[in-house]
Amino acid sequence: MTITNGRPPAAEPAVQPDEVMFSPAVRTEQACRGSREVYARRAAAGHFVQKLSANEMAFIAARDSAYLATASADGQPYVQHRGGPPGFLKVLNDHTIAFLEYPGNRQFISIGHLAENERAFLFLMDYADALRLKLWGRAEVSTDSELIASLKPSVGLRRLDHAIVFTVLAWDWNCSQHIPRLVPAAAINDS
């Protein structure tokens, strides 16, 4: 895989998924607010994992929308919407997802951030069924022509020469309590 930022993927020290999700400051807040024990028990029981199961892979593959969060080297955050036909997020294996990088408004904030800070986050929503999946990981920009060709939909698109490759370090389903129930317009028009 060719990486445009010129550096190979960083070797990740053995870190447990809950350590990726919950920094020391987050753990302190959880302890102060009474939820630390619950999350410590969930982590000890193996509820926070790195590998995606068939259920998560199917959910990811069915999405037509996602939010990608990145941050600059100095910590300035940015969240960018990504979208495409269902399947635009391609699950390559049980810990890797890839998708095309469309030029959009040509600000290149996400790929600029990834050139200096590989930490990233994917937030996937299913408003109709009130589900959301959170994915913590590392992301890199790839110019691998075979990968890019495998990600292109069957319908013609302008020339695309970058993809984002996301390596999952941890994932978790989020509480559905406050997700608004929204139904896609296509579902209404089909009925």
C-alpha atoms as a PDB file:
ATOM      1  CA  MET A   1       0.000   0.000   0.000  1.00  0.00           C
ATOM      2  CA  THR A   2       1.345   3.450  -0.896  1.00  0.00           C
ATOM      3  CA  ILE A   3       1.004   6.091   1.796  1.00  0.00           C
ATOM      4  CA  THR A   4       1.041   9.711   0.647  1.00  0.00           C
ATOM      5  CA  ASN A   5       2.275  11.173   3.910  1.00  0.00           C
ATOM      6  CA  GLY A   6       5.610   9.414   3.430  1.00  0.00           C
ATOM      7  CA  ARG A   7       5.692   7.478   6.672  1.00  0.00           C
ATOM      8  CA  PRO A   8       4.931   3.826   7.290  1.00  0.00           C
ATOM      9  CA  PRO A   9       2.092   2.991   9.670  1.00  0.00           C
ATOM     10  CA  ALA A  10       3.283   3.439  13.255  1.00  0.00           C
ATOM     11  CA  ALA A  11       3.865   0.346  15.317  1.00  0.00           C
ATOM     12  CA  GLU A  12       1.121   0.296  17.915  1.00  0.00           C
ATOM     13  CA  PRO A  13       2.135  -0.739  21.419  1.00  0.00           C
ATOM     14  CA  ALA A  14      -0.054  -3.415  22.964  1.00  0.00           C
ATOM     15  CA  VAL A  15      -2.966  -1.275  24.130  1.00  0.00           C
ATOM     16  CA  GLN A  16      -6.297  -2.633  25.243  1.00  0.00           C
ATOM     17  CA  PRO A  17      -9.342  -1.294  23.377  1.00  0.00           C
ATOM     18  CA  ASP A  18     -10.747   0.346  26.521  1.00  0.00           C
ATOM     19  CA  GLU A  19      -7.428   2.204  26.930  1.00  0.00           C
ATOM     20  CA  VAL A  20      -7.932   3.620  23.427  1.00  0.00           C
ATOM     21  CA  MET A  21     -11.508   4.608  24.230  1.00  0.00           C
ATOM     22  CA  PHE A  22     -10.964   5.919  27.768  1.00  0.00           C
ATOM     23  CA  SER A  23      -7.920   8.114  28.340  1.00  0.00           C
ATOM     24  CA  PRO A  24      -6.681   8.638  31.909  1.00  0.00           C
ATOM     25  CA  ALA A  25      -8.649  11.921  32.053  1.00  0.00           C
ATOM     26  CA  VAL A  26     -11.818  10.127  30.901  1.00  0.00           C
ATOM     27  CA  ARG A  27     -11.305   7.397  33.498  1.00  0.00           C
ATOM     28  CA  THR A  28     -10.931  10.079  36.188  1.00  0.00           C
ATOM     29  CA  GLU A  29     -14.212  11.693  35.103  1.00  0.00           C
ATOM     30  CA  GLN A  30     -15.921   8.297  35.071  1.00  0.00           C
ATOM     31  CA  ALA A  31     -14.673   7.649  38.621  1.00  0.00           C
ATOM     32  CA  CYS A  32     -15.873  11.077  39.810  1.00  0.00           C
ATOM     33  CA  ARG A  33     -19.285  10.614  38.197  1.00  0.00           C
ATOM     34  CA  GLY A  34     -19.852   7.011  39.241  1.00  0.00           C
ATOM     35  CA  SER A  35     -19.541   5.065  35.977  1.00  0.00           C
ATOM     36  CA  ARG A  36     -15.912   3.841  36.104  1.00  0.00           C
ATOM     37  CA  GLU A  37     -16.685   0.507  37.754  1.00  0.00           C
ATOM     38  CA  VAL A  38     -19.273  -0.364  35.103  1.00  0.00           C
ATOM     39  CA  TYR A  39     -16.822   0.280  32.259  1.00  0.00           C
ATOM     40  CA  ALA A  40     -13.977  -1.483  34.054  1.00  0.00           C
ATOM     41  CA  ARG A  41     -16.200  -4.572  34.429  1.00  0.00           C
ATOM     42  CA  ARG A  42     -17.228  -4.392  30.766  1.00  0.00           C
ATOM     43  CA  ALA A  43     -13.559  -4.144  29.739  1.00  0.00           C
ATOM     44  CA  ALA A  44     -12.561  -7.051  31.995  1.00  0.00           C
ATOM     45  CA  ALA A  45     -15.344  -9.155  30.468  1.00  0.00           C
ATOM     46  CA  GLY A  46     -14.024  -8.446  26.953  1.00  0.00           C
ATOM     47  CA  HIS A  47     -16.875  -6.192  25.822  1.00  0.00           C
ATOM     48  CA  PHE A  48     -14.537  -3.684  24.154  1.00  0.00           C
ATOM     49  CA  VAL A  49     -12.769  -5.380  21.284  1.00  0.00           C
ATOM     50  CA  GLN A  50     -10.669  -4.556  18.230  1.00  0.00           C
ATOM     51  CA  LYS A  51     -11.852  -7.170  15.765  1.00  0.00           C
ATOM     52  CA  LEU A  52     -15.139  -6.599  14.006  1.00  0.00           C
ATOM     53  CA  SER A  53     -17.663  -9.408  14.155  1.00  0.00           C
ATOM     54  CA  ALA A  54     -19.915 -10.381  11.255  1.00  0.00           C
ATOM     55  CA  ASN A  55     -22.659  -8.192  12.776  1.00  0.00           C
ATOM     56  CA  GLU A  56     -20.486  -5.050  12.790  1.00  0.00           C
ATOM     57  CA  MET A  57     -19.107  -5.787   9.325  1.00  0.00           C
ATOM     58  CA  ALA A  58     -22.646  -6.093   7.919  1.00  0.00           C
ATOM     59  CA  PHE A  59     -23.702  -2.858   9.630  1.00  0.00           C
ATOM     60  CA  ILE A  60     -20.680  -0.991   8.220  1.00  0.00           C
ATOM     61  CA  ALA A  61     -21.217  -2.367   4.705  1.00  0.00           C
ATOM     62  CA  ALA A  62     -24.863  -1.239   4.729  1.00  0.00           C
ATOM     63  CA  ARG A  63     -24.091   2.417   5.570  1.00  0.00           C
ATOM     64  CA  ASP A  64     -24.501   5.160   2.994  1.00  0.00           C
ATOM     65  CA  SER A  65     -23.186   7.813   5.365  1.00  0.00           C
ATOM     66  CA  ALA A  66     -20.435   8.178   7.971  1.00  0.00           C
ATOM     67  CA  TYR A  67     -18.609  10.848   9.933  1.00  0.00           C
ATOM     68  CA  LEU A  68     -14.799  10.858   9.977  1.00  0.00           C
ATOM     69  CA  ALA A  69     -13.082  12.721  12.819  1.00  0.00           C
ATOM     70  CA  THR A  70      -9.422  13.684  12.665  1.00  0.00           C
ATOM     71  CA  ALA A  71      -7.203  16.139  14.530  1.00  0.00           C
ATOM     72  CA  SER A  72      -4.126  18.135  13.621  1.00  0.00           C
ATOM     73  CA  ALA A  73      -0.815  17.507  15.379  1.00  0.00           C
ATOM     74  CA  ASP A  74      -1.673  20.271  17.852  1.00  0.00           C
ATOM     75  CA  GLY A  75      -5.094  18.747  18.568  1.00  0.00           C
ATOM     76  CA  GLN A  76      -7.410  20.924  16.458  1.00  0.00           C
ATOM     77  CA  PRO A  77     -10.361  18.571  15.739  1.00  0.00           C
ATOM     78  CA  TYR A  78     -12.359  18.269  12.546  1.00  0.00           C
ATOM     79  CA  VAL A  79     -15.359  16.135  11.611  1.00  0.00           C
ATOM     80  CA  GLN A  80     -16.227  15.524   7.979  1.00  0.00           C
ATOM     81  CA  HIS A  81     -19.249  13.754   6.536  1.00  0.00           C
ATOM     82  CA  ARG A  82     -18.553  10.950   4.077  1.00  0.00           C
ATOM     83  CA  GLY A  83     -21.239   9.400   1.930  1.00  0.00           C
ATOM     84  CA  GLY A  84     -21.939   7.161  -0.999  1.00  0.00           C
ATOM     85  CA  PRO A  85     -24.060   4.221  -2.016  1.00  0.00           C
ATOM     86  CA  PRO A  86     -24.423   1.443   0.579  1.00  0.00           C
ATOM     87  CA  GLY A  87     -21.126  -0.385   0.527  1.00  0.00           C
ATOM     88  CA  PHE A  88     -18.982   2.719  -0.068  1.00  0.00           C
ATOM     89  CA  LEU A  89     -17.336   1.773   3.229  1.00  0.00           C
ATOM     90  CA  LYS A  90     -15.603  -1.443   2.280  1.00  0.00           C
ATOM     91  CA  VAL A  91     -14.685  -3.855   5.052  1.00  0.00           C
ATOM     92  CA  LEU A  92     -11.355  -5.347   3.992  1.00  0.00           C
ATOM     93  CA  ASN A  93     -11.034  -7.678   6.998  1.00  0.00           C
ATOM     94  CA  ASP A  94     -12.043  -7.867  10.661  1.00  0.00           C
ATOM     95  CA  HIS A  95     -10.048  -4.752  11.593  1.00  0.00           C
ATOM     96  CA  THR A  96      -9.700  -2.687   8.382  1.00  0.00           C
ATOM     97  CA  ILE A  97     -12.138  -0.454   6.480  1.00  0.00           C
ATOM     98  CA  ALA A  98     -11.411   1.571   3.336  1.00  0.00           C
ATOM     99  CA  PHE A  99     -13.297   4.199   1.359  1.00  0.00           C
ATOM    100  CA  LEU A 100     -12.630   6.597  -1.494  1.00  0.00           C
ATOM    101  CA  GLU A 101     -11.506  10.126  -0.703  1.00  0.00           C
ATOM    102  CA  TYR A 102     -13.654  12.455  -2.810  1.00  0.00           C
ATOM    103  CA  PRO A 103     -12.181  15.925  -3.333  1.00  0.00           C
ATOM    104  CA  GLY A 104     -15.386  17.774  -2.273  1.00  0.00           C
ATOM    105  CA  ASN A 105     -14.708  21.425  -1.492  1.00  0.00           C
ATOM    106  CA  ARG A 106     -10.954  20.834  -1.887  1.00  0.00           C
ATOM    107  CA  GLN A 107     -10.023  22.041   1.614  1.00  0.00           C
ATOM    108  CA  PHE A 108      -8.219  18.711   2.316  1.00  0.00           C
ATOM    109  CA  ILE A 109      -8.488  19.142   6.077  1.00  0.00           C
ATOM    110  CA  SER A 110      -8.939  15.437   6.848  1.00  0.00           C
ATOM    111  CA  ILE A 111      -6.028  14.245   4.725  1.00  0.00           C
ATOM    112  CA  GLY A 112      -3.889  17.139   5.969  1.00  0.00           C
ATOM    113  CA  HIS A 113      -4.570  16.062   9.532  1.00  0.00           C
ATOM    114  CA  LEU A 114      -3.781  12.437   8.672  1.00  0.00           C
ATOM    115  CA  ALA A 115      -0.420  13.515   7.256  1.00  0.00           C
ATOM    116  CA  GLU A 116       0.591  14.612  10.765  1.00  0.00           C
ATOM    117  CA  ASN A 117      -1.678  12.619  13.102  1.00  0.00           C
ATOM    118  CA  GLU A 118      -2.952   9.159  12.162  1.00  0.00           C
ATOM    119  CA  ARG A 119      -5.515   8.979  14.984  1.00  0.00           C
ATOM    120  CA  ALA A 120      -9.041   8.968  13.623  1.00  0.00           C
ATOM    121  CA  PHE A 121     -12.601   8.094  14.552  1.00  0.00           C
ATOM    122  CA  LEU A 122     -15.560   6.860  12.488  1.00  0.00           C
ATOM    123  CA  PHE A 123     -19.103   7.488  13.699  1.00  0.00           C
ATOM    124  CA  LEU A 124     -21.771   5.458  11.880  1.00  0.00           C
ATOM    125  CA  MET A 125     -25.487   6.152  12.245  1.00  0.00           C
ATOM    126  CA  ASP A 126     -28.608   4.261  11.341  1.00  0.00           C
ATOM    127  CA  TYR A 127     -31.334   6.765  12.166  1.00  0.00           C
ATOM    128  CA  ALA A 128     -34.198   4.550  11.004  1.00  0.00           C
ATOM    129  CA  ASP A 129     -33.291   1.770  13.447  1.00  0.00           C
ATOM    130  CA  ALA A 130     -31.753   4.068  16.115  1.00  0.00           C
ATOM    131  CA  LEU A 131     -28.296   2.452  16.012  1.00  0.00           C
ATOM    132  CA  ARG A 132     -24.839   3.992  16.113  1.00  0.00           C
ATOM    133  CA  LEU A 133     -21.435   2.368  15.977  1.00  0.00           C
ATOM    134  CA  LYS A 134     -18.290   4.142  17.208  1.00  0.00           C
ATOM    135  CA  LEU A 135     -14.905   3.131  15.784  1.00  0.00           C
ATOM    136  CA  TRP A 136     -11.580   4.358  17.167  1.00  0.00           C
ATOM    137  CA  GLY A 137      -8.495   3.803  15.071  1.00  0.00           C
ATOM    138  CA  ARG A 138      -5.666   4.904  12.850  1.00  0.00           C
ATOM    139  CA  ALA A 139      -6.201   6.132   9.324  1.00  0.00           C
ATOM    140  CA  GLU A 140      -3.894   6.722   6.412  1.00  0.00           C
ATOM    141  CA  VAL A 141      -4.205   8.032   2.886  1.00  0.00           C
ATOM    142  CA  SER A 142      -3.464   5.468   0.194  1.00  0.00           C
ATOM    143  CA  THR A 143      -2.771   5.921  -3.506  1.00  0.00           C
ATOM    144  CA  ASP A 144      -2.733   2.170  -4.162  1.00  0.00           C
ATOM    145  CA  SER A 145      -4.374   1.869  -7.603  1.00  0.00           C
ATOM    146  CA  GLU A 146      -5.688  -1.669  -7.013  1.00  0.00           C
ATOM    147  CA  LEU A 147      -7.340  -0.640  -3.748  1.00  0.00           C
ATOM    148  CA  ILE A 148      -8.849   2.457  -5.359  1.00  0.00           C
ATOM    149  CA  ALA A 149     -10.202   0.407  -8.273  1.00  0.00           C
ATOM    150  CA  SER A 150     -11.805  -2.045  -5.828  1.00  0.00           C
ATOM    151  CA  LEU A 151     -13.578   0.810  -4.019  1.00  0.00           C
ATOM    152  CA  LYS A 152     -15.087   2.518  -7.062  1.00  0.00           C
ATOM    153  CA  PRO A 153     -18.792   1.926  -7.606  1.00  0.00           C
ATOM    154  CA  SER A 154     -19.805   0.332 -10.887  1.00  0.00           C
ATOM    155  CA  VAL A 155     -21.164   3.628 -12.227  1.00  0.00           C
ATOM    156  CA  GLY A 156     -18.643   6.021 -13.747  1.00  0.00           C
ATOM    157  CA  LEU A 157     -17.027   8.636 -11.547  1.00  0.00           C
ATOM    158  CA  ARG A 158     -14.477  11.319 -12.178  1.00  0.00           C
ATOM    159  CA  ARG A 159     -10.851  10.372 -11.579  1.00  0.00           C
ATOM    160  CA  LEU A 160     -10.265   9.438  -7.956  1.00  0.00           C
ATOM    161  CA  ASP A 161      -6.736   8.779  -6.784  1.00  0.00           C
ATOM    162  CA  HIS A 162      -6.906   8.594  -2.978  1.00  0.00           C
ATOM    163  CA  ALA A 163      -8.495   6.290  -0.463  1.00  0.00           C
ATOM    164  CA  ILE A 164      -8.659   6.346   3.319  1.00  0.00           C
ATOM    165  CA  VAL A 165      -7.648   3.102   5.025  1.00  0.00           C
ATOM    166  CA  PHE A 166      -8.939   2.896   8.598  1.00  0.00           C
ATOM    167  CA  THR A 167      -7.503   0.363  11.057  1.00  0.00           C
ATOM    168  CA  VAL A 168      -9.865  -0.348  13.956  1.00  0.00           C
ATOM    169  CA  LEU A 169      -8.296  -0.170  17.430  1.00  0.00           C
ATOM    170  CA  ALA A 170     -11.587  -0.305  19.365  1.00  0.00           C
ATOM    171  CA  TRP A 171     -15.296  -0.179  18.718  1.00  0.00           C
ATOM    172  CA  ASP A 172     -18.506   0.114  20.717  1.00  0.00           C
ATOM    173  CA  TRP A 173     -22.218   0.410  20.078  1.00  0.00           C
ATOM    174  CA  ASN A 174     -23.635   3.616  21.529  1.00  0.00           C
ATOM    175  CA  CYS A 175     -26.798   3.999  23.556  1.00  0.00           C
ATOM    176  CA  SER A 176     -29.790   4.558  21.288  1.00  0.00           C
ATOM    177  CA  GLN A 177     -31.827   6.531  23.812  1.00  0.00           C
ATOM    178  CA  HIS A 178     -31.573   9.960  22.155  1.00  0.00           C
ATOM    179  CA  ILE A 179     -31.250   9.044  18.477  1.00  0.00           C
ATOM    180  CA  PRO A 180     -34.037  10.691  16.466  1.00  0.00           C
ATOM    181  CA  ARG A 181     -35.938   8.172  14.346  1.00  0.00           C
ATOM    182  CA  LEU A 182     -35.493   9.346  10.780  1.00  0.00           C
ATOM    183  CA  VAL A 183     -36.553   7.398   7.728  1.00  0.00           C
ATOM    184  CA  PRO A 184     -34.748   7.858   4.381  1.00  0.00           C
ATOM    185  CA  ALA A 185     -36.838   9.571   1.709  1.00  0.00           C
ATOM    186  CA  ALA A 186     -36.294   6.602  -0.617  1.00  0.00           C
ATOM    187  CA  ALA A 187     -38.033   4.313   1.895  1.00  0.00           C
ATOM    188  CA  ILE A 188     -41.081   6.596   1.920  1.00  0.00           C
ATOM    189  CA  ASN A 189     -41.154   6.935  -1.882  1.00  0.00           C
ATOM    190  CA  ASP A 190     -40.959   3.145  -2.297  1.00  0.00           C
ATOM    191  CA  SER A 191     -44.013   2.501  -0.119  1.00  0.00           C
END
